[in-house]
Amino acid sequence: MMQDIVMILMIAVFVEGLVQWFKAEYRKSKWVWASLTISAIATIATGFNPLTMFGIESQYPQLTLWFGYFMGTIILARGPNYVSDFFGSYKPSKT
């Protein structure tokens, strides 16, 4: 059950990140490119591949491998935005 929730969250982050990428004004930021570059390096260096993590296989193993790395890169690149949004919306009580 918990593994399914994690998989759904990863897919949601991936889809949202991919949609953001298609927005022209989003791609203009140098920080987006920096985030993608660092995420790609981290994804390959650590072997972070959501498809293989969840045992998803296809008849084209190389495609599964590279698409998994692509998916992992997008997920890692979007992660800091969610953490920042979470802590930015947190307001300690004044009492």
Protein backbone atom coordinates (compact mmCIF):
# COMPACT_ATOMS: atom_id res chain seq x y z
CA MET A 1 0.00 0.00 0.00
CA MET A 2 2.71 2.49 1.01
CA GLN A 3 4.75 1.59 -2.07
CA ASP A 4 1.74 2.37 -4.26
CA ILE A 5 1.33 5.79 -2.64
CA VAL A 6 5.00 6.60 -3.19
CA MET A 7 4.74 5.51 -6.83
CA ILE A 8 1.65 7.67 -7.38
CA LEU A 9 3.38 10.68 -5.81
CA MET A 10 6.46 10.19 -8.00
CA ILE A 11 4.33 9.96 -11.13
CA ALA A 12 2.40 13.08 -10.09
CA VAL A 13 5.62 15.05 -9.54
CA PHE A 14 6.98 13.81 -12.87
CA VAL A 15 3.84 14.81 -14.81
CA GLU A 16 3.68 18.22 -13.14
CA GLY A 17 7.37 18.82 -13.84
CA LEU A 18 6.98 17.81 -17.46
CA VAL A 19 4.01 20.15 -17.91
CA GLN A 20 5.99 23.00 -16.35
CA TRP A 21 8.85 22.26 -18.73
CA PHE A 22 6.63 22.87 -21.76
CA LYS A 23 5.88 26.40 -20.58
CA ALA A 24 8.23 28.72 -22.47
CA GLU A 25 8.66 31.22 -19.63
CA TYR A 26 9.67 28.40 -17.30
CA ARG A 27 12.58 27.30 -19.49
CA LYS A 28 14.01 30.84 -19.64
CA SER A 29 15.32 30.71 -16.07
CA LYS A 30 18.97 29.77 -15.69
CA TRP A 31 18.09 28.16 -12.36
CA VAL A 32 15.83 25.65 -14.09
CA TRP A 33 18.74 24.55 -16.24
CA ALA A 34 21.03 24.38 -13.22
CA SER A 35 18.49 22.29 -11.33
CA LEU A 36 18.06 19.91 -14.27
CA THR A 37 21.81 19.52 -14.74
CA ILE A 38 22.48 18.80 -11.08
CA SER A 39 19.50 16.45 -10.93
CA ALA A 40 20.65 14.53 -14.01
CA ILE A 41 24.10 14.04 -12.49
CA ALA A 42 22.62 12.97 -9.14
CA THR A 43 20.15 10.62 -10.81
CA ILE A 44 22.79 8.76 -12.78
CA ALA A 45 25.38 8.81 -9.96
CA THR A 46 22.94 7.34 -7.43
CA GLY A 47 21.05 5.10 -9.86
CA PHE A 48 17.74 6.74 -8.95
CA ASN A 49 15.37 5.15 -11.44
CA PRO A 50 11.70 5.07 -10.38
CA LEU A 51 10.82 2.46 -12.98
CA THR A 52 13.35 -0.08 -11.74
CA MET A 53 12.61 0.82 -8.10
CA PHE A 54 9.07 -0.42 -8.55
CA GLY A 55 10.00 -3.37 -10.75
CA ILE A 56 8.46 -1.96 -13.93
CA GLU A 57 9.91 -3.71 -16.97
CA SER A 58 9.30 -3.57 -20.68
CA GLN A 59 10.46 -5.52 -23.68
CA TYR A 60 12.95 -2.71 -24.36
CA PRO A 61 15.26 -2.66 -21.31
CA GLN A 62 17.41 0.23 -22.56
CA LEU A 63 14.33 2.39 -23.09
CA THR A 64 13.10 1.54 -19.60
CA LEU A 65 16.52 2.40 -18.18
CA TRP A 66 16.88 5.78 -19.90
CA PHE A 67 13.25 6.83 -19.48
CA GLY A 68 13.55 5.93 -15.80
CA TYR A 69 16.60 8.15 -15.48
CA PHE A 70 14.76 10.94 -17.33
CA MET A 71 11.80 10.51 -14.99
CA GLY A 72 14.13 10.51 -11.96
CA THR A 73 15.82 13.70 -13.17
CA ILE A 74 12.51 15.55 -13.48
CA ILE A 75 11.39 14.32 -10.05
CA LEU A 76 14.62 15.41 -8.37
CA ALA A 77 14.60 18.77 -10.16
CA ARG A 78 11.07 19.51 -8.95
CA GLY A 79 11.61 18.32 -5.38
CA PRO A 80 13.18 21.52 -3.99
CA ASN A 81 10.17 23.54 -5.19
CA TYR A 82 7.81 21.39 -3.16
CA VAL A 83 9.99 21.59 -0.05
CA SER A 84 10.26 25.37 -0.43
CA ASP A 85 6.49 25.70 -0.92
CA PHE A 86 5.84 23.54 2.11
CA PHE A 87 8.09 25.52 4.43
CA GLY A 88 7.04 28.83 2.88
CA SER A 89 3.40 28.14 3.70
CA TYR A 90 4.19 27.14 7.28
CA LYS A 91 3.47 29.97 9.67
CA PRO A 92 4.24 29.46 13.35
CA SER A 93 1.48 30.44 15.71
CA LYS A 94 1.86 33.75 17.51
CA THR A 95 0.48 32.51 20.81
